[in-house]
Amino acid sequence: MNSTRTRHCETVIFRRSNLLLLSVLIWVSACQSAPIDSAPISTSPAKETATPFATATATFIPSPMPTIPQLIYPYTIDGLRHHDYKSGKLHIRAKLEETDLYMRYSIDYPSDGLTITGIMQIPKNGKPPFPVVVMNHGFFPRASYSSGDGTYRAAEYPNKYGYLTLSPDYRSWGGSDVGPSLFYSGLVIDVINLLNAIPSIPEADATRVGMWGHSMGGGVTMRVLTIVGGRVTERTETSVKAAVLYSTVSADEADILARWGLGCIGDIAAGEQQLGCNSSDVVPLSLPANLRQAYYDASTNADLLHQISSFYHLDLVTAPVEINYGTADGKTLAGAPPDWSKKLYQGLVEAKRVAKLFAYEDEGHSFNGDLWLAFMDRSVKFFDKYVKNMP
């Protein structure tokens, strides 16, 4: 296996250092119209009346300035549950490779007006329509990322057992269009729109879908599970029957902010070159200044962080979740501390959800050798139980 394909590149070091920039952002005032005064109205301009008509005035009341909770609401779990998802058909760009196990294709699909690229692998074993596993990659510096990185090694394992795999690049990675993403929200929207595109794939069974997520992709997966599971509206077409998390980031946004800080403000490429920039979020300068300020303010507001975090909405998760972590993970800033996996598992148990937790001795953020194979074998068996062979 090509080593550039198998490595996990979550290597950017982050810290919260955007305070100076954000603190000088100017709040945008609501638009106000000046009062309009009309001249006195007379029905007979040639003759004065003893009692003139009163002067008519109209005063426009300015719209109130949006509050921080109102500005942040679209990025909360409830806001994403009420988001108007705009998806469409999946499009094959090119056939890339054919092996004994799968046919590999470059794909794209629409997501809320953006074009998102990715990889699809159709298995050779079995007969269509195939059960599906959506594979969410972890963080990569965009300059070194190629479509399918972070899932290339893992995808062929479920292919071997008759699963069709879909690996989205997300917005701003690979050949995808760039769009804003506060608190992973854009990535979550892109994954849900991919779920909604699955029915357009002739070889895919949209009623049997699982999800796999590594690191940042694990955080994205958990947010997706709170939206497509126990949803309050019929805004999504495909549900997730089971999920496997691998060295996941915390489901509690406060933990992520404490370790890596806020996202980059402005140019993504420039941000990834500077110390203290968490470029998993995309916060362009084109966003309104008051929204950028609200993004910063929300990072210190415990109530808003609870609304953003999937950890505080685990009662909405309907899919069984398998959590896998290495006991040596988190020793570098790029990794995910094992306590994050344990915390999520305990939260799922307390919410009376179906959850499994597995530790891999001395493994770091990415597993290798026999323990990697044991992990992937366990994952496929989990999908077999809850996805492929579901009642």
Protein backbone atom coordinates (compact mmCIF):
# COMPACT_ATOMS: atom_id res chain seq x y z
CA MET A 1 0.00 0.00 0.00
CA ASN A 2 1.34 3.44 -0.94
CA SER A 3 2.34 5.12 2.30
CA THR A 4 1.07 8.50 1.09
CA ARG A 5 -2.34 6.90 0.82
CA THR A 6 -2.36 5.35 4.26
CA ARG A 7 -1.10 8.09 6.52
CA HIS A 8 -3.38 10.31 8.53
CA CYS A 9 -2.31 13.89 8.20
CA GLU A 10 -4.06 15.65 11.06
CA THR A 11 -0.92 17.59 11.85
CA VAL A 12 -1.82 21.27 12.07
CA ILE A 13 -1.16 22.65 15.55
CA PHE A 14 -3.91 24.88 16.82
CA ARG A 15 -4.42 27.31 19.65
CA ARG A 16 -6.89 30.03 20.33
CA SER A 17 -5.19 33.13 18.98
CA ASN A 18 -7.89 34.89 17.05
CA LEU A 19 -8.91 37.10 19.97
CA LEU A 20 -6.99 40.14 18.72
CA LEU A 21 -8.41 39.92 15.21
CA LEU A 22 -11.96 39.19 16.32
CA SER A 23 -12.00 41.80 19.05
CA VAL A 24 -11.59 44.58 16.47
CA LEU A 25 -14.39 43.37 14.25
CA ILE A 26 -17.02 46.08 13.93
CA TRP A 27 -20.57 45.14 14.62
CA VAL A 28 -22.81 45.96 11.67
CA SER A 29 -25.68 48.15 12.75
CA ALA A 30 -29.18 47.42 11.55
CA CYS A 31 -30.26 49.60 8.66
CA GLN A 32 -32.30 52.65 9.76
CA SER A 33 -34.44 54.85 7.55
CA ALA A 34 -34.75 58.50 8.52
CA PRO A 35 -38.26 59.77 9.34
CA ILE A 36 -40.15 61.06 6.31
CA ASP A 37 -42.00 64.35 6.86
CA SER A 38 -44.82 65.29 4.51
CA ALA A 39 -45.78 68.88 3.71
CA PRO A 40 -49.18 70.10 4.97
CA ILE A 41 -52.01 68.83 2.77
CA SER A 42 -54.65 71.31 1.56
CA THR A 43 -57.75 70.55 -0.49
CA SER A 44 -57.98 74.15 -1.73
CA PRO A 45 -54.62 75.74 -2.43
CA ALA A 46 -56.28 79.09 -3.38
CA LYS A 47 -58.01 79.48 -0.03
CA GLU A 48 -56.61 79.09 3.43
CA THR A 49 -58.60 77.07 5.92
CA ALA A 50 -59.18 78.17 9.45
CA THR A 51 -57.93 74.85 10.79
CA PRO A 52 -55.05 73.42 8.71
CA PHE A 53 -54.67 69.66 8.36
CA ALA A 54 -52.09 68.16 10.68
CA THR A 55 -48.71 67.40 9.21
CA ALA A 56 -48.50 63.71 8.18
CA THR A 57 -45.34 61.92 9.27
CA ALA A 58 -44.21 58.31 8.87
CA THR A 59 -41.46 56.90 11.03
CA PHE A 60 -39.81 53.60 10.08
CA ILE A 61 -38.79 51.55 13.09
CA PRO A 62 -35.39 49.93 12.46
CA SER A 63 -35.15 46.15 12.60
CA PRO A 64 -33.63 44.95 15.86
CA MET A 65 -30.04 43.78 15.67
CA PRO A 66 -29.81 39.95 15.68
CA THR A 67 -28.67 38.54 18.98
CA ILE A 68 -25.73 36.17 19.29
CA PRO A 69 -28.04 33.12 19.82
CA GLN A 70 -30.01 34.09 16.72
CA LEU A 71 -26.85 34.41 14.63
CA ILE A 72 -25.49 31.07 15.87
CA TYR A 73 -28.77 29.13 15.68
CA PRO A 74 -28.24 27.80 12.09
CA TYR A 75 -25.05 26.07 13.32
CA THR A 76 -26.65 24.40 16.35
CA ILE A 77 -27.99 20.85 16.33
CA ASP A 78 -31.57 22.13 16.28
CA GLY A 79 -30.74 24.62 13.53
CA LEU A 80 -29.20 21.86 11.41
CA ARG A 81 -32.24 19.65 12.07
CA HIS A 82 -34.38 22.37 10.52
CA HIS A 83 -31.97 23.22 7.70
CA ASP A 84 -33.44 23.08 4.19
CA TYR A 85 -31.06 20.54 2.68
CA LYS A 86 -30.50 20.99 -1.05
CA SER A 87 -29.10 17.92 -2.74
CA GLY A 88 -29.39 16.14 -6.06
CA LYS A 89 -28.02 13.31 -8.14
CA LEU A 90 -24.54 11.87 -7.73
CA HIS A 91 -22.42 12.26 -10.88
CA ILE A 92 -19.55 10.01 -11.96
CA ARG A 93 -16.62 12.08 -13.25
CA ALA A 94 -14.23 9.31 -14.22
CA LYS A 95 -13.36 5.69 -13.62
CA LEU A 96 -10.05 5.66 -11.76
CA GLU A 97 -9.20 2.04 -11.04
CA GLU A 98 -10.48 -1.52 -11.21
CA THR A 99 -9.23 -4.30 -8.94
CA ASP A 100 -10.42 -7.75 -7.97
CA LEU A 101 -12.39 -6.16 -5.12
CA TYR A 102 -13.89 -2.94 -6.48
CA MET A 103 -14.29 -0.36 -9.22
CA ARG A 104 -13.14 3.09 -8.10
CA TYR A 105 -14.72 6.29 -9.43
CA SER A 106 -14.24 10.01 -9.00
CA ILE A 107 -17.61 11.57 -8.20
CA ASP A 108 -19.32 14.85 -7.40
CA TYR A 109 -22.73 15.87 -6.11
CA PRO A 110 -24.52 19.12 -5.22
CA SER A 111 -24.75 20.40 -1.66
CA ASP A 112 -26.62 23.63 -0.98
CA GLY A 113 -25.36 25.25 -4.18
CA LEU A 114 -21.80 23.91 -3.90
CA THR A 115 -20.25 21.06 -5.86
CA ILE A 116 -18.66 18.49 -3.56
CA THR A 117 -16.20 15.92 -4.89
CA GLY A 118 -15.32 12.49 -3.56
CA ILE A 119 -14.69 8.82 -4.28
CA MET A 120 -17.10 5.92 -4.84
CA GLN A 121 -16.02 2.28 -4.83
CA ILE A 122 -18.45 -0.34 -6.11
CA PRO A 123 -17.70 -3.89 -4.92
CA LYS A 124 -17.12 -6.83 -7.22
CA ASN A 125 -18.48 -9.30 -4.63
CA GLY A 126 -22.24 -9.71 -4.32
CA LYS A 127 -25.10 -8.38 -6.38
CA PRO A 128 -26.56 -4.86 -6.47
CA PRO A 129 -28.16 -3.03 -4.89
CA PHE A 130 -25.33 -3.06 -2.34
CA PRO A 131 -25.48 -1.81 1.25
CA VAL A 132 -23.55 1.46 1.62
CA VAL A 133 -20.91 2.80 4.00
CA VAL A 134 -20.28 6.58 3.94
CA MET A 135 -16.69 7.19 5.05
CA ASN A 136 -15.84 10.55 6.64
CA HIS A 137 -12.15 11.45 6.64
CA GLY A 138 -10.23 13.31 9.32
CA PHE A 139 -8.39 16.60 9.04
CA PHE A 140 -5.78 17.06 6.30
CA PRO A 141 -3.94 20.21 5.26
CA ARG A 142 -5.67 21.06 2.01
CA ALA A 143 -2.43 21.56 0.07
CA SER A 144 -1.46 17.92 0.62
CA TYR A 145 -4.94 16.39 0.39
CA SER A 146 -6.05 14.27 -2.58
CA SER A 147 -9.58 13.04 -3.06
CA GLY A 148 -10.14 9.91 -0.98
CA ASP A 149 -7.24 10.51 1.43
CA GLY A 150 -7.98 9.31 4.93
CA THR A 151 -10.39 6.61 3.74
CA TYR A 152 -8.44 4.93 0.92
CA ARG A 153 -7.01 2.15 3.08
CA ALA A 154 -10.24 1.55 4.99
CA ALA A 155 -12.69 1.57 2.07
CA GLU A 156 -11.43 -1.56 0.38
CA TYR A 157 -12.16 -3.64 3.49
CA PRO A 158 -15.96 -3.26 3.36
CA ASN A 159 -15.72 -3.51 -0.46
CA LYS A 160 -14.35 -7.00 0.06
CA TYR A 161 -17.54 -7.94 1.90
CA GLY A 162 -20.00 -6.47 -0.57
CA TYR A 163 -20.39 -2.85 0.59
CA LEU A 164 -20.44 0.13 -1.75
CA THR A 165 -18.38 2.94 -0.18
CA LEU A 166 -18.71 6.71 -0.58
CA SER A 167 -15.95 9.03 0.63
CA PRO A 168 -16.88 12.74 0.44
CA ASP A 169 -14.10 15.30 0.33
CA TYR A 170 -16.33 17.94 2.06
CA ARG A 171 -16.38 21.58 1.03
CA SER A 172 -12.96 23.19 0.58
CA TRP A 173 -11.10 19.85 0.29
CA GLY A 174 -10.11 18.10 -2.93
CA GLY A 175 -11.90 19.47 -5.99
CA SER A 176 -14.89 20.72 -3.99
CA ASP A 177 -16.11 24.28 -3.98
CA VAL A 178 -15.19 26.41 -0.98
CA GLY A 179 -17.90 27.45 1.45
CA PRO A 180 -18.16 28.57 5.06
CA SER A 181 -18.30 25.97 7.84
CA LEU A 182 -18.68 27.08 11.44
CA PHE A 183 -18.41 24.36 14.09
CA TYR A 184 -18.24 21.64 11.37
CA SER A 185 -21.71 22.66 10.14
CA GLY A 186 -20.74 22.89 6.47
CA LEU A 187 -19.14 19.44 6.57
CA VAL A 188 -22.25 18.00 8.22
CA ILE A 189 -24.48 19.56 5.57
CA ASP A 190 -22.29 18.09 2.82
CA VAL A 191 -22.50 14.59 4.31
CA ILE A 192 -26.29 14.77 4.73
CA ASN A 193 -26.68 15.96 1.15
CA LEU A 194 -24.59 12.96 0.09
CA LEU A 195 -26.99 10.71 2.00
CA ASN A 196 -29.83 12.35 0.09
CA ALA A 197 -28.04 11.61 -3.21
CA ILE A 198 -27.66 7.87 -2.52
CA PRO A 199 -31.05 6.98 -4.10
CA SER A 200 -29.66 8.26 -7.43
CA ILE A 201 -26.99 5.51 -7.46
CA PRO A 202 -28.41 2.43 -9.27
CA GLU A 203 -26.03 0.04 -7.49
CA ALA A 204 -26.77 1.38 -3.98
CA ASP A 205 -29.44 0.31 -1.48
CA ALA A 206 -30.51 3.57 0.17
CA THR A 207 -32.38 1.66 2.89
CA ARG A 208 -29.16 0.05 4.20
CA VAL A 209 -26.61 2.76 4.98
CA GLY A 210 -23.85 2.84 7.60
CA MET A 211 -21.31 5.54 8.43
CA TRP A 212 -17.61 5.41 9.36
CA GLY A 213 -15.64 8.37 10.67
CA HIS A 214 -12.01 8.97 11.61
CA SER A 215 -10.93 11.79 13.92
CA MET A 216 -12.64 14.99 12.65
CA GLY A 217 -14.81 12.67 10.55
CA GLY A 218 -15.95 11.04 13.78
CA GLY A 219 -17.11 14.43 15.05
CA VAL A 220 -18.94 15.03 11.77
CA THR A 221 -20.52 11.57 12.02
CA MET A 222 -21.88 12.19 15.51
CA ARG A 223 -23.49 15.45 14.45
CA VAL A 224 -25.05 13.70 11.46
CA LEU A 225 -26.48 11.02 13.76
CA THR A 226 -28.27 13.63 15.88
CA ILE A 227 -29.88 15.10 12.73
CA VAL A 228 -30.90 12.07 10.67
CA GLY A 229 -31.78 10.09 13.79
CA GLY A 230 -34.97 11.08 15.63
CA ARG A 231 -35.42 13.97 13.22
CA VAL A 232 -38.35 16.33 13.70
CA THR A 233 -38.89 17.02 10.01
CA GLU A 234 -38.65 15.01 6.83
CA ARG A 235 -35.76 17.02 5.41
CA THR A 236 -33.49 14.04 4.91
CA GLU A 237 -34.22 11.09 2.64
CA THR A 238 -31.78 8.48 3.96
CA SER A 239 -31.16 7.44 7.56
CA VAL A 240 -28.01 5.90 9.03
CA LYS A 241 -28.50 2.42 10.50
CA ALA A 242 -25.15 2.14 12.33
CA ALA A 243 -21.91 4.09 12.78
CA VAL A 244 -18.28 3.21 13.51
CA LEU A 245 -16.00 5.85 15.07
CA TYR A 246 -12.22 5.59 14.87
CA SER A 247 -10.00 7.82 17.03
CA THR A 248 -12.81 10.35 17.09
CA VAL A 249 -12.57 13.94 18.23
CA SER A 250 -14.81 14.89 21.13
CA ALA A 251 -18.57 15.18 20.65
CA ASP A 252 -18.40 18.14 23.06
CA GLU A 253 -17.40 21.33 21.24
CA ALA A 254 -15.88 22.78 24.42
CA ASP A 255 -13.24 20.02 24.37
CA ILE A 256 -12.34 20.79 20.75
CA LEU A 257 -12.04 24.52 21.42
CA ALA A 258 -9.91 23.93 24.51
CA ARG A 259 -7.45 21.82 22.50
CA TRP A 260 -7.37 23.57 19.11
CA GLY A 261 -9.17 26.88 19.37
CA LEU A 262 -11.29 28.67 16.80
CA GLY A 263 -11.17 28.39 13.04
CA CYS A 264 -9.11 30.51 10.70
CA ILE A 265 -10.41 33.95 9.82
CA GLY A 266 -10.01 34.76 6.15
CA ASP A 267 -7.91 32.90 3.59
CA ILE A 268 -7.77 29.13 4.25
CA ALA A 269 -4.39 28.47 2.66
CA ALA A 270 -2.75 31.32 4.55
CA GLY A 271 -4.42 30.23 7.78
CA GLU A 272 -3.07 26.71 7.50
CA GLN A 273 0.45 28.10 7.45
CA GLN A 274 0.11 30.01 10.71
CA LEU A 275 0.36 28.70 14.23
CA GLY A 276 -2.86 28.73 16.24
CA CYS A 277 -5.35 28.33 13.39
CA ASN A 278 -7.93 25.51 13.57
CA SER A 279 -8.75 25.32 9.88
CA SER A 280 -11.25 22.51 10.22
CA ASP A 281 -13.67 25.46 10.30
CA VAL A 282 -13.81 27.92 7.41
CA VAL A 283 -14.60 31.52 8.39
CA PRO A 284 -14.15 33.77 5.35
CA LEU A 285 -13.96 37.54 5.66
CA SER A 286 -16.98 37.71 3.37
CA LEU A 287 -19.18 36.64 6.28
CA PRO A 288 -20.90 39.55 8.06
CA ALA A 289 -18.74 41.03 10.77
CA ASN A 290 -21.42 40.48 13.42
CA LEU A 291 -21.57 36.76 12.53
CA ARG A 292 -17.81 36.45 12.84
CA GLN A 293 -17.99 38.20 16.20
CA ALA A 294 -20.83 35.89 17.27
CA TYR A 295 -18.70 32.88 16.27
CA TYR A 296 -16.02 34.09 18.67
CA ASP A 297 -18.48 34.96 21.43
CA ALA A 298 -20.18 31.55 21.18
CA SER A 299 -16.86 29.88 21.94
CA THR A 300 -17.03 31.18 25.52
CA ASN A 301 -20.78 30.71 26.00
CA ALA A 302 -21.46 27.36 27.69
CA ASP A 303 -25.16 27.32 26.79
CA LEU A 304 -24.49 27.92 23.10
CA LEU A 305 -21.73 25.30 23.06
CA HIS A 306 -24.22 22.80 24.47
CA GLN A 307 -26.63 23.66 21.65
CA ILE A 308 -23.85 23.14 19.09
CA SER A 309 -22.48 19.89 20.53
CA SER A 310 -23.84 16.47 19.64
CA PHE A 311 -22.82 15.27 23.12
CA TYR A 312 -25.80 17.08 24.64
CA HIS A 313 -28.24 15.64 22.11
CA LEU A 314 -27.44 11.93 22.30
CA ASP A 315 -31.09 11.15 22.97
CA LEU A 316 -31.66 11.93 19.27
CA VAL A 317 -29.25 9.20 18.13
CA THR A 318 -31.12 6.12 16.90
CA ALA A 319 -28.21 4.26 15.27
CA PRO A 320 -25.96 1.84 17.23
CA VAL A 321 -22.46 3.31 17.61
CA GLU A 322 -19.15 1.44 17.83
CA ILE A 323 -16.26 3.51 19.23
CA ASN A 324 -12.61 2.48 18.69
CA TYR A 325 -9.57 4.24 20.13
CA GLY A 326 -5.87 3.69 20.68
CA THR A 327 -4.54 3.91 24.22
CA ALA A 328 -1.51 5.89 22.99
CA ASP A 329 -3.58 8.47 21.08
CA GLY A 330 -3.52 12.13 22.05
CA LYS A 331 0.14 12.32 23.03
CA THR A 332 0.70 14.89 20.31
CA LEU A 333 -1.56 17.90 19.75
CA ALA A 334 -2.76 16.43 16.45
CA GLY A 335 -4.27 13.37 18.14
CA ALA A 336 -7.51 12.73 20.01
CA PRO A 337 -7.21 11.88 23.74
CA PRO A 338 -8.74 8.51 24.69
CA ASP A 339 -10.88 10.25 27.31
CA TRP A 340 -12.96 11.74 24.48
CA SER A 341 -14.00 8.27 23.30
CA LYS A 342 -14.71 7.14 26.85
CA LYS A 343 -16.76 10.26 27.55
CA LEU A 344 -18.89 9.72 24.44
CA TYR A 345 -19.45 6.07 25.27
CA GLN A 346 -20.59 6.94 28.79
CA GLY A 347 -22.91 9.59 27.39
CA LEU A 348 -24.49 7.11 24.99
CA VAL A 349 -24.94 4.58 27.78
CA GLU A 350 -26.62 7.18 30.00
CA ALA A 351 -28.89 8.11 27.08
CA LYS A 352 -29.78 4.41 26.79
CA ARG A 353 -28.38 4.16 23.26
CA VAL A 354 -26.74 1.05 21.79
CA ALA A 355 -22.96 1.59 22.03
CA LYS A 356 -19.74 -0.45 22.04
CA LEU A 357 -16.29 0.72 23.14
CA PHE A 358 -13.01 -0.94 22.17
CA ALA A 359 -9.47 0.01 23.19
CA TYR A 360 -6.37 -0.94 21.15
CA GLU A 361 -3.25 -1.17 23.28
CA ASP A 362 -0.36 1.13 22.32
CA GLU A 363 -2.06 2.29 19.09
CA GLY A 364 -1.95 5.98 18.28
CA HIS A 365 -4.24 8.13 16.17
CA SER A 366 -3.99 5.74 13.21
CA PHE A 367 -3.82 1.97 13.73
CA ASN A 368 -1.37 -0.36 12.00
CA GLY A 369 -0.62 -4.02 11.47
CA ASP A 370 -2.70 -6.73 13.10
CA LEU A 371 -4.68 -4.31 15.26
CA TRP A 372 -5.72 -2.34 12.16
CA LEU A 373 -7.02 -5.56 10.59
CA ALA A 374 -8.76 -6.52 13.84
CA PHE A 375 -10.41 -3.09 13.98
CA MET A 376 -11.64 -3.25 10.37
CA ASP A 377 -12.86 -6.82 10.81
CA ARG A 378 -14.81 -5.75 13.89
CA SER A 379 -16.24 -2.78 11.98
CA VAL A 380 -17.50 -4.89 9.09
CA LYS A 381 -19.13 -7.35 11.48
CA PHE A 382 -20.85 -4.42 13.18
CA PHE A 383 -22.15 -3.20 9.82
CA ASP A 384 -23.20 -6.74 8.91
CA LYS A 385 -25.34 -6.93 12.03
CA TYR A 386 -26.99 -3.53 11.88
CA VAL A 387 -26.84 -2.57 8.18
CA LYS A 388 -26.51 -5.48 5.78
CA ASN A 389 -28.62 -7.97 7.72
CA MET A 390 -31.04 -5.53 9.30
CA PRO A 391 -34.62 -6.82 9.71
